[in-house]
C-alpha cells in the first residue's frame, strides 16, 4: 500500500510539471519530426478542447457472476494550448484515469492509469498503472485446451446428461448446493506497472521497456472447486500467496491518426514478458504476445465516417507459469485478460477458455450517425456491429480450427471530446448472452 501511495504522489507531481511546461509553450515548430499520418484529422482537431478538463461518469453493471455493480470512472486531461506544436499530433499531453468500483457480490477495485506522450517534449512516452482488487467471483474451467473447450453439461433429475448447454442452464442446474462455487475462485491483488517508450521513424515505431510487480493471493471458495482439484493433482500452479515480478520489452509500429478513436492506420505490436525466481519472482515463465490492428475509412463518398476496424492477435506462455498468467497478455494499450469477456470473445464469460497458446480476432464497423455539442462538450455517436473469433491450444504444433469459438453482436459508442470513448456492447454466442459497458474501444 505504501509503495502504491508514494507512486501515485510522485506520478501526479510529474504529470503536473509536464502539463505546466506544455501550457507555457507558444510555438508551432516541432522539436523533432513526426510523420504526417500521425496528425489528427481536421474534423477531430477542430473539436479538440484546449487546457485542462475532467470527464467522468458513474459505472453500473448487472452480471450473473459479479452481481449488480456500481462505482465511477474519471479522467483528468491536460491538452495544452492549440499553439503547442504537439496539439495536432496527440490526443492529449497527459491523461490520468481513476476507477473505483464495487458489486453486490463483493468485487472491489481501485485503480489508476497515467499516460504522458512526448514527456517533457522529448521522444519518450511514460505510462504507469496500479490497482488494488479483490474478486471472489472469478471463473475457472480448466487450464488445458481440451479441458476448457469442453462444452458445459449437467445431469438432470431423470439421470440424463445434458451436454453443450447454455451457461444459464448450467448455472441453474449444476452450480447449486454443494457445487455452488465449483467454477469460482477468489483473487486479492496489488499491482504496479511502469513502462517507458521511445519513438523512432518520426513517431511510427516505438521501443518499450517495462517492469511489473504484483502480490497475489488466490484461493478456492470450496474444497471440491475445480481449481482446488487441479491444484491438488499438480495440474496447475498459483493458488495461495505469491509475488510476481516481470521484466517487459516490446516493439510497436503505429500509424494511427488518433489513438483513442482512430479513423485510419495500423498498430503492429510484439511484446515479451520474462519472470524468473532468480530475479525475485515466485515463478519461472516467459510469455510472447503479438497483434495487428487495422483501421480504414470505407465508402467515404457515401458515409462521412464509416470505419472498418480489425484485430488479429496471438499469445504463447512457456515454462512453469501459474494458471492466472495464461489469461493475461501485456500490451502498452492495456492488459488483455483472457479469452472471453469485454475485450476478446464477447459472447463468452471472462476467461472461459485457457491454454498455453491463445488466439483472438475482432472485426467492427464503426458508423458515426450523429454528433452534437452540449454545454460546450462535443459528443459523437456511432453504431458498431461486430464479430469475434477466438481459440486456445496446448502447443504451437497443433493449431486446428476445431478449437475456435465465435460470437457476434452490436454496440453503441459515444466519443466525448475526442479522447473519452463510452462503449456499450451486447454479444451473443452458442453458450451465452452478455451486455458490457466500458470506457475505451475494444481495440
Protein backbone atom coordinates (compact mmCIF):
# COMPACT_ATOMS: atom_id res chain seq x y z
CA UNK A 1 0.00 0.00 0.00
CA UNK A 2 2.81 2.45 0.84
CA UNK A 3 4.54 1.73 -2.46
CA UNK A 4 1.28 2.32 -4.30
CA UNK A 5 0.56 5.60 -2.44
CA UNK A 6 4.04 7.05 -2.94
CA UNK A 7 3.94 6.10 -6.63
CA UNK A 8 0.65 7.95 -7.15
CA UNK A 9 2.00 11.07 -5.42
CA UNK A 10 5.22 11.06 -7.45
CA UNK A 11 3.45 10.42 -10.72
CA UNK A 12 0.89 13.16 -10.08
CA UNK A 13 3.68 15.65 -9.42
CA UNK A 14 5.42 14.65 -12.65
CA UNK A 15 2.14 14.98 -14.57
CA UNK A 16 1.54 18.49 -13.22
CA UNK A 17 5.07 19.60 -14.13
CA UNK A 18 4.68 18.24 -17.65
CA UNK A 19 1.31 19.93 -18.08
CA UNK A 20 2.66 23.31 -16.93
CA UNK A 21 5.52 23.10 -19.40
CA UNK A 22 3.07 22.18 -22.18
CA UNK A 23 0.86 25.17 -21.35
CA UNK A 24 3.81 27.56 -21.43
CA UNK A 25 4.96 26.61 -24.94
CA UNK A 26 3.95 29.17 -27.59
CA UNK A 27 5.35 27.90 -30.86
CA UNK A 28 4.13 25.70 -33.71
CA UNK A 29 7.60 24.36 -34.51
CA UNK A 30 8.06 20.71 -33.61
CA UNK A 31 11.32 19.91 -31.77
CA UNK A 32 11.67 16.77 -33.93
CA UNK A 33 9.95 15.31 -36.99
CA UNK A 34 6.63 13.47 -36.64
CA UNK A 35 5.06 11.59 -39.56
CA UNK A 36 2.22 13.38 -41.36
CA UNK A 37 -0.16 10.43 -40.88
CA UNK A 38 0.13 10.88 -37.09
CA UNK A 39 -1.57 14.26 -37.35
CA UNK A 40 -5.18 14.37 -36.18
CA UNK A 41 -7.82 14.68 -38.93
CA UNK A 42 -9.07 18.25 -39.42
CA UNK A 43 -12.59 17.32 -38.24
CA UNK A 44 -11.19 15.93 -34.95
CA UNK A 45 -8.67 18.73 -34.48
CA UNK A 46 -11.40 21.35 -34.90
CA UNK A 47 -13.36 19.92 -31.96
CA UNK A 48 -10.41 19.16 -29.67
CA UNK A 49 -10.54 21.08 -26.36
CA UNK A 50 -7.69 23.21 -25.04
CA UNK A 51 -6.39 23.32 -21.49
CA UNK A 52 -7.25 21.05 -18.59
CA UNK A 53 -10.59 19.34 -18.17
CA UNK A 54 -12.22 16.40 -16.42
CA UNK A 55 -14.55 13.73 -17.74
CA UNK A 56 -16.28 11.14 -15.61
CA UNK A 57 -19.34 9.03 -15.31
CA UNK A 58 -20.92 6.58 -12.90
CA UNK A 59 -20.39 2.92 -13.73
CA UNK A 60 -23.22 0.46 -13.36
CA UNK A 61 -23.44 -3.17 -14.39
CA UNK A 62 -25.56 -6.26 -13.85
CA UNK A 63 -23.90 -9.64 -14.20
CA UNK A 64 -24.96 -13.12 -13.01
CA UNK A 65 -21.39 -13.73 -11.83
CA UNK A 66 -20.48 -10.46 -10.08
CA UNK A 67 -23.98 -9.18 -9.24
CA UNK A 68 -25.03 -5.52 -9.52
CA UNK A 69 -22.01 -3.24 -9.86
CA UNK A 70 -21.70 0.42 -9.02
CA UNK A 71 -18.86 2.91 -8.93
CA UNK A 72 -17.27 5.58 -11.04
CA UNK A 73 -14.59 6.21 -13.64
CA UNK A 74 -12.99 9.56 -14.32
CA UNK A 75 -10.22 11.10 -16.39
CA UNK A 76 -8.14 14.25 -15.93
CA UNK A 77 -6.81 15.61 -19.23
CA UNK A 78 -4.00 18.10 -19.86
CA UNK A 79 -4.29 19.17 -23.51
CA UNK A 80 -2.15 22.31 -23.58
CA UNK A 81 -2.85 25.20 -25.92
CA UNK A 82 -3.71 24.99 -29.61
CA UNK A 83 -0.39 26.75 -30.29
CA UNK A 84 1.50 23.83 -28.70
CA UNK A 85 3.25 22.00 -31.59
CA UNK A 86 2.13 18.63 -30.20
CA UNK A 87 -1.54 19.68 -30.02
CA UNK A 88 -2.25 18.37 -33.51
CA UNK A 89 -0.27 15.13 -33.08
CA UNK A 90 -1.61 13.58 -29.89
CA UNK A 91 -4.99 13.17 -28.23
CA UNK A 92 -3.61 14.76 -25.04
CA UNK A 93 -0.35 15.89 -23.45
CA UNK A 94 -1.13 13.91 -20.29
CA UNK A 95 -4.02 11.82 -19.03
CA UNK A 96 -4.73 10.44 -15.55
CA UNK A 97 -7.57 7.92 -15.14
CA UNK A 98 -9.09 6.62 -11.91
CA UNK A 99 -11.63 3.87 -11.30
CA UNK A 100 -13.47 2.95 -8.11
CA UNK A 101 -15.83 0.00 -8.34
CA UNK A 102 -17.82 -2.36 -6.12
CA UNK A 103 -20.50 -5.01 -6.61
CA UNK A 104 -23.19 -6.64 -4.52
CA UNK A 105 -21.15 -9.86 -4.68
CA UNK A 106 -18.08 -8.13 -3.19
CA UNK A 107 -15.91 -7.48 -6.21
CA UNK A 108 -13.89 -4.37 -5.32
CA UNK A 109 -11.36 -2.41 -7.33
CA UNK A 110 -9.43 0.83 -7.10
CA UNK A 111 -7.02 1.67 -9.90
CA UNK A 112 -5.25 4.43 -11.78
CA UNK A 113 -3.60 4.81 -15.18
CA UNK A 114 -1.22 7.58 -16.19
CA UNK A 115 -0.15 8.26 -19.79
CA UNK A 116 2.22 11.06 -20.83
CA UNK A 117 3.12 11.12 -24.56
CA UNK A 118 6.18 13.19 -25.51
CA UNK A 119 7.04 13.64 -21.84
CA UNK A 120 8.95 16.88 -21.22
CA UNK A 121 8.77 17.50 -25.02
CA UNK A 122 11.01 14.52 -25.84
CA UNK A 123 10.58 11.37 -27.93
CA UNK A 124 9.85 9.41 -24.75
CA UNK A 125 6.44 8.32 -23.52
CA UNK A 126 5.78 7.37 -19.89
CA UNK A 127 2.98 5.08 -18.71
CA UNK A 128 2.07 3.84 -15.26
CA UNK A 129 -0.81 1.88 -13.86
CA UNK A 130 -1.68 0.41 -10.50
CA UNK A 131 -4.59 -1.33 -8.85
CA UNK A 132 -5.85 -2.92 -5.67
CA UNK A 133 -8.50 -5.53 -6.34
CA UNK A 134 -10.46 -8.30 -4.68
CA UNK A 135 -12.83 -10.55 -6.60
CA UNK A 136 -14.41 -13.74 -5.21
CA UNK A 137 -16.35 -14.39 -8.43
CA UNK A 138 -13.61 -15.27 -10.93
CA UNK A 139 -14.27 -18.30 -13.11
CA UNK A 140 -12.06 -21.28 -13.91
CA UNK A 141 -12.94 -24.05 -16.38
CA UNK A 142 -9.50 -25.67 -16.71
CA UNK A 143 -6.06 -24.67 -17.88
CA UNK A 144 -5.70 -27.02 -20.87
CA UNK A 145 -7.41 -26.53 -24.21
CA UNK A 146 -9.18 -29.91 -24.02
CA UNK A 147 -10.49 -29.18 -20.54
CA UNK A 148 -11.65 -25.58 -21.01
CA UNK A 149 -13.07 -26.01 -24.53
CA UNK A 150 -15.34 -28.81 -23.36
CA UNK A 151 -18.98 -27.78 -23.50
CA UNK A 152 -20.93 -27.15 -20.33
CA UNK A 153 -23.00 -30.10 -19.05
CA UNK A 154 -25.04 -31.36 -16.11
CA UNK A 155 -27.11 -34.40 -15.10
CA UNK A 156 -30.85 -33.69 -14.89
CA UNK A 157 -33.34 -35.11 -12.40
CA UNK A 158 -34.03 -38.08 -14.68
CA UNK A 159 -30.36 -39.05 -14.71
CA UNK A 160 -29.73 -37.91 -18.28
CA UNK A 161 -26.54 -35.99 -19.10
CA UNK A 162 -27.34 -32.69 -20.77
CA UNK A 163 -24.37 -31.66 -22.93
CA UNK A 164 -23.33 -28.36 -24.53
CA UNK A 165 -25.94 -26.40 -22.59
CA UNK A 166 -26.32 -22.63 -22.23
CA UNK A 167 -24.45 -21.01 -19.38
CA UNK A 168 -27.71 -20.01 -17.70
CA UNK A 169 -28.95 -23.62 -17.72
CA UNK A 170 -25.59 -24.84 -16.41
CA UNK A 171 -25.73 -22.30 -13.59
CA UNK A 172 -29.30 -23.11 -12.62
CA UNK A 173 -28.95 -26.90 -12.75
CA UNK A 174 -25.35 -27.64 -11.72
CA UNK A 175 -23.95 -24.67 -9.82
CA UNK A 176 -26.27 -25.19 -6.86
CA UNK A 177 -25.96 -26.57 -3.34
CA UNK A 178 -22.54 -28.17 -2.74
CA UNK A 179 -21.48 -27.19 -6.29
CA UNK A 180 -22.41 -23.52 -6.00
CA UNK A 181 -18.80 -22.31 -6.29
CA UNK A 182 -17.44 -25.20 -8.37
CA UNK A 183 -16.05 -22.88 -11.07
CA UNK A 184 -15.21 -19.93 -8.81
CA UNK A 185 -12.06 -18.73 -7.08
CA UNK A 186 -11.07 -15.62 -5.15
CA UNK A 187 -8.31 -13.18 -6.11
CA UNK A 188 -6.68 -10.50 -3.97
CA UNK A 189 -4.09 -8.44 -5.83
CA UNK A 190 -1.96 -5.32 -5.52
CA UNK A 191 -0.17 -4.47 -8.75
CA UNK A 192 2.05 -1.72 -10.17
CA UNK A 193 3.27 -1.44 -13.76
CA UNK A 194 5.74 1.14 -15.10
CA UNK A 195 6.91 1.48 -18.70
CA UNK A 196 8.84 3.84 -20.98
CA UNK A 197 8.60 4.08 -24.77
CA UNK A 198 10.97 5.78 -27.19
CA UNK A 199 9.83 6.97 -30.64
CA UNK A 200 11.71 6.25 -33.88
CA UNK A 201 10.89 6.73 -37.57
CA UNK A 202 9.09 10.04 -36.99
CA UNK A 203 6.85 8.51 -34.32
CA UNK A 204 5.83 5.42 -36.29
CA UNK A 205 7.99 2.97 -34.30
CA UNK A 206 8.22 2.70 -30.51
CA UNK A 207 10.62 0.58 -28.49
CA UNK A 208 9.43 -0.05 -24.95
CA UNK A 209 10.67 -1.45 -21.67
CA UNK A 210 8.62 -2.07 -18.57
CA UNK A 211 8.50 -3.60 -15.13
CA UNK A 212 5.56 -5.09 -13.26
CA UNK A 213 5.34 -6.24 -9.68
CA UNK A 214 2.30 -7.85 -8.10
CA UNK A 215 1.37 -9.51 -4.84
CA UNK A 216 -1.42 -12.06 -5.23
CA UNK A 217 -3.47 -14.36 -3.05
CA UNK A 218 -5.55 -16.90 -4.98
CA UNK A 219 -7.93 -19.24 -3.15
CA UNK A 220 -10.74 -21.67 -3.91
CA UNK A 221 -14.16 -20.95 -2.39
CA UNK A 222 -14.88 -24.59 -1.55
CA UNK A 223 -12.85 -27.80 -1.20
CA UNK A 224 -14.43 -29.50 -4.21
CA UNK A 225 -13.89 -26.49 -6.52
CA UNK A 226 -12.37 -27.42 -9.87
CA UNK A 227 -9.38 -25.14 -9.35
CA UNK A 228 -8.63 -26.75 -5.96
CA UNK A 229 -8.87 -30.23 -7.51
CA UNK A 230 -6.45 -29.30 -10.30
CA UNK A 231 -4.05 -27.70 -7.82
CA UNK A 232 -4.11 -30.75 -5.52
CA UNK A 233 -3.47 -33.02 -8.51
CA UNK A 234 -0.43 -30.97 -9.56
CA UNK A 235 -2.04 -29.81 -12.82
CA UNK A 236 -1.65 -26.10 -12.07
CA UNK A 237 0.41 -23.63 -10.06
CA UNK A 238 -0.78 -20.40 -8.48
CA UNK A 239 -3.07 -20.98 -5.51
CA UNK A 240 -2.01 -19.29 -2.27
CA UNK A 241 0.22 -16.23 -1.76
CA UNK A 242 2.86 -15.31 -4.32
CA UNK A 243 4.92 -12.44 -5.67
CA UNK A 244 5.29 -11.99 -9.42
CA UNK A 245 7.90 -9.65 -10.88
CA UNK A 246 8.02 -9.33 -14.66
CA UNK A 247 10.51 -7.63 -16.99
CA UNK A 248 8.94 -6.45 -20.24
CA UNK A 249 10.24 -5.43 -23.66
CA UNK A 250 8.45 -4.75 -26.91
CA UNK A 251 8.24 -3.06 -30.30
CA UNK A 252 5.20 -1.18 -31.62
CA UNK A 253 4.68 0.12 -35.16
CA UNK A 254 1.87 2.68 -35.02
CA UNK A 255 0.45 4.92 -37.77
CA UNK A 256 -2.94 5.74 -36.16
CA UNK A 257 -4.15 9.31 -36.55
CA UNK A 258 -5.96 9.49 -33.16
CA UNK A 259 -5.20 6.84 -30.56
CA UNK A 260 -8.46 6.84 -28.54
CA UNK A 261 -10.69 6.85 -31.65
CA UNK A 262 -8.67 6.15 -34.84
CA UNK A 263 -10.08 6.57 -38.33
CA UNK A 264 -7.06 5.18 -40.20
CA UNK A 265 -3.73 3.50 -39.59
CA UNK A 266 -2.10 0.31 -38.33
CA UNK A 267 -0.80 -0.85 -34.96
CA UNK A 268 1.56 -3.86 -35.11
CA UNK A 269 2.97 -4.95 -31.78
CA UNK A 270 5.09 -7.70 -30.26
CA UNK A 271 5.91 -7.90 -26.55
CA UNK A 272 7.77 -10.30 -24.29
CA UNK A 273 7.44 -10.83 -20.54
CA UNK A 274 10.07 -12.69 -18.51
CA UNK A 275 9.65 -13.76 -14.89
CA UNK A 276 12.41 -15.61 -13.01
CA UNK A 277 12.78 -16.88 -9.47
CA UNK A 278 16.38 -15.68 -9.58
CA UNK A 279 15.05 -12.13 -10.08
CA UNK A 280 12.58 -12.17 -7.18
CA UNK A 281 9.51 -13.84 -8.65
CA UNK A 282 7.74 -16.91 -7.28
CA UNK A 283 7.70 -18.50 -10.76
CA UNK A 284 9.76 -19.05 -13.91
CA UNK A 285 7.88 -18.27 -17.12
CA UNK A 286 8.11 -16.42 -20.42
CA UNK A 287 5.25 -15.00 -22.49
CA UNK A 288 5.13 -13.64 -26.04
CA UNK A 289 2.19 -11.66 -27.39
CA UNK A 290 1.71 -10.20 -30.89
CA UNK A 291 -1.18 -8.43 -32.52
CA UNK A 292 -2.04 -6.23 -35.51
CA UNK A 293 -4.86 -3.65 -35.51
CA UNK A 294 -6.06 -2.10 -38.78
CA UNK A 295 -8.33 0.96 -39.25
CA UNK A 296 -9.64 2.29 -42.55
CA UNK A 297 -12.42 4.61 -43.73
CA UNK A 298 -14.72 2.90 -46.22
CA UNK A 299 -17.23 4.37 -48.69
CA UNK A 300 -16.14 7.95 -47.84
CA UNK A 301 -18.29 9.36 -50.67
CA UNK A 302 -21.41 7.87 -49.03
CA UNK A 303 -20.63 7.97 -45.30
CA UNK A 304 -18.78 10.85 -43.68
CA UNK A 305 -17.32 8.49 -41.09
CA UNK A 306 -17.61 4.70 -41.50
CA UNK A 307 -14.56 2.91 -40.12
CA UNK A 308 -13.60 -0.72 -40.58
CA UNK A 309 -11.60 -1.85 -37.54
CA UNK A 310 -9.96 -5.27 -37.38
CA UNK A 311 -7.59 -7.02 -34.99
CA UNK A 312 -5.67 -10.32 -35.12
CA UNK A 313 -3.75 -11.43 -32.01
CA UNK A 314 -1.88 -14.43 -30.63
CA UNK A 315 -0.03 -15.15 -27.38
CA UNK A 316 2.01 -18.06 -26.05
CA UNK A 317 3.06 -18.92 -22.49
CA UNK A 318 6.15 -21.06 -21.83
CA UNK A 319 7.79 -22.75 -18.81
CA UNK A 320 6.10 -23.16 -15.40
CA UNK A 321 3.60 -20.31 -15.34
CA UNK A 322 0.84 -20.06 -12.71
CA UNK A 323 -2.65 -20.56 -14.11
CA UNK A 324 -3.55 -16.85 -13.87
CA UNK A 325 -0.73 -15.86 -16.24
CA UNK A 326 -2.26 -17.92 -19.05
CA UNK A 327 -5.13 -15.44 -19.17
CA UNK A 328 -3.07 -12.24 -19.05
CA UNK A 329 -1.37 -10.70 -22.10
CA UNK A 330 0.61 -7.48 -21.74
CA UNK A 331 0.18 -4.60 -24.15
CA UNK A 332 1.01 -0.89 -23.75
CA UNK A 333 -2.61 -0.33 -24.81
CA UNK A 334 -3.74 -2.17 -21.65
CA UNK A 335 -3.54 -5.76 -20.43
CA UNK A 336 -5.84 -8.30 -22.08
CA UNK A 337 -7.35 -10.68 -19.54
CA UNK A 338 -8.11 -13.99 -21.17
CA UNK A 339 -10.37 -15.35 -23.88
CA UNK A 340 -13.92 -14.20 -23.19
CA UNK A 341 -15.33 -11.08 -21.58
CA UNK A 342 -15.48 -7.49 -22.87
CA UNK A 343 -12.24 -7.30 -24.88
CA UNK A 344 -11.74 -10.58 -26.75
CA UNK A 345 -14.58 -13.09 -27.22
CA UNK A 346 -17.52 -11.01 -26.04
CA UNK A 347 -20.18 -13.72 -26.18
CA UNK A 348 -18.47 -15.87 -23.52
CA UNK A 349 -17.71 -15.33 -19.83
CA UNK A 350 -14.37 -13.77 -18.88
CA UNK A 351 -11.51 -16.33 -19.04
CA UNK A 352 -13.91 -19.01 -20.28
CA UNK A 353 -11.09 -20.62 -22.30
CA UNK A 354 -7.45 -21.08 -21.20
CA UNK A 355 -4.42 -22.67 -22.86
CA UNK A 356 -0.71 -22.07 -23.39
CA UNK A 357 -1.46 -20.66 -26.84
CA UNK A 358 -4.31 -18.19 -27.29
CA UNK A 359 -5.65 -16.52 -30.45
CA UNK A 360 -8.42 -13.99 -30.96
CA UNK A 361 -9.64 -11.74 -33.78
CA UNK A 362 -12.17 -8.91 -33.64
CA UNK A 363 -13.90 -7.14 -36.52
CA UNK A 364 -16.05 -3.99 -36.19
CA UNK A 365 -17.80 -1.44 -38.37
CA UNK A 366 -17.93 1.94 -36.61
CA UNK A 367 -20.55 4.17 -38.24
CA UNK A 368 -20.91 7.66 -36.82
CA UNK A 369 -24.56 8.55 -37.30
CA UNK A 370 -24.74 11.76 -35.22
CA UNK A 371 -22.72 14.37 -33.36
CA UNK A 372 -23.69 17.30 -31.19
CA UNK A 373 -22.42 19.85 -28.70
CA UNK A 374 -23.97 20.17 -25.21
CA UNK A 375 -22.77 22.56 -22.51
CA UNK A 376 -19.58 23.22 -24.51
CA UNK A 377 -18.86 19.49 -24.68
CA UNK A 378 -18.53 17.67 -28.02
CA UNK A 379 -20.17 14.23 -28.47
CA UNK A 380 -20.13 11.75 -31.35
CA UNK A 381 -22.43 8.71 -31.62
CA UNK A 382 -21.56 5.55 -33.55
CA UNK A 383 -23.33 2.24 -34.18
CA UNK A 384 -20.95 -0.74 -34.11
CA UNK A 385 -21.84 -4.25 -35.33
CA UNK A 386 -19.04 -6.72 -34.50
CA UNK A 387 -17.84 -10.32 -34.92
CA UNK A 388 -15.32 -12.09 -32.66
CA UNK A 389 -13.27 -15.27 -33.14
CA UNK A 390 -11.01 -16.95 -30.57
CA UNK A 391 -9.37 -20.23 -29.65
CA UNK A 392 -6.83 -21.88 -27.33
CA UNK A 393 -4.31 -24.68 -27.85
CA UNK A 394 -1.82 -26.52 -25.65
CA UNK A 395 1.12 -26.01 -28.01
CA UNK A 396 2.05 -24.33 -31.29
CA UNK A 397 2.33 -27.57 -33.27
CA UNK A 398 -1.39 -28.39 -33.37
CA UNK A 399 -3.31 -25.24 -34.31
CA UNK A 400 -6.57 -26.76 -35.55
CA UNK A 401 -9.73 -24.84 -36.44
CA UNK A 402 -11.76 -27.18 -34.21
CA UNK A 403 -10.60 -25.14 -31.20
CA UNK A 404 -12.11 -21.89 -32.45
CA UNK A 405 -15.21 -20.31 -30.92
CA UNK A 406 -17.30 -17.42 -32.30
CA UNK A 407 -19.54 -14.62 -31.08
CA UNK A 408 -21.31 -11.64 -32.60
CA UNK A 409 -23.23 -8.59 -31.54
CA UNK A 410 -23.78 -4.86 -31.80
CA UNK A 411 -22.90 -1.81 -29.81
CA UNK A 412 -23.03 1.95 -29.34
CA UNK A 413 -20.02 4.24 -28.98
CA UNK A 414 -20.21 7.74 -27.53
CA UNK A 415 -17.00 9.71 -28.05
CA UNK A 416 -16.66 12.61 -25.62
CA UNK A 417 -14.27 15.45 -26.55
CA UNK A 418 -12.25 13.22 -28.89
CA UNK A 419 -10.46 11.40 -26.04
CA UNK A 420 -13.06 9.56 -23.93
CA UNK A 421 -14.95 6.66 -25.50
CA UNK A 422 -18.02 5.17 -23.80
CA UNK A 423 -18.66 1.64 -25.07
CA UNK A 424 -21.94 -0.31 -24.88
CA UNK A 425 -21.88 -3.85 -26.33
CA UNK A 426 -24.40 -6.68 -26.48
CA UNK A 427 -22.87 -10.01 -27.54
CA UNK A 428 -24.25 -13.48 -28.31
CA UNK A 429 -22.66 -16.90 -28.65
CA UNK A 430 -23.80 -20.54 -28.64
CA UNK A 431 -23.32 -20.54 -24.88
CA UNK A 432 -24.25 -17.11 -23.56
CA UNK A 433 -25.57 -13.56 -23.97
CA UNK A 434 -23.73 -10.65 -22.37
CA UNK A 435 -24.00 -6.88 -22.06
CA UNK A 436 -20.99 -4.65 -21.37
CA UNK A 437 -20.46 -1.01 -20.56
CA UNK A 438 -16.82 0.12 -20.51
CA UNK A 439 -14.53 3.03 -21.24
CA UNK A 440 -12.46 2.91 -24.48
CA UNK A 441 -12.87 0.97 -27.67
CA UNK A 442 -12.38 -2.79 -27.60
CA UNK A 443 -9.16 -2.12 -29.55
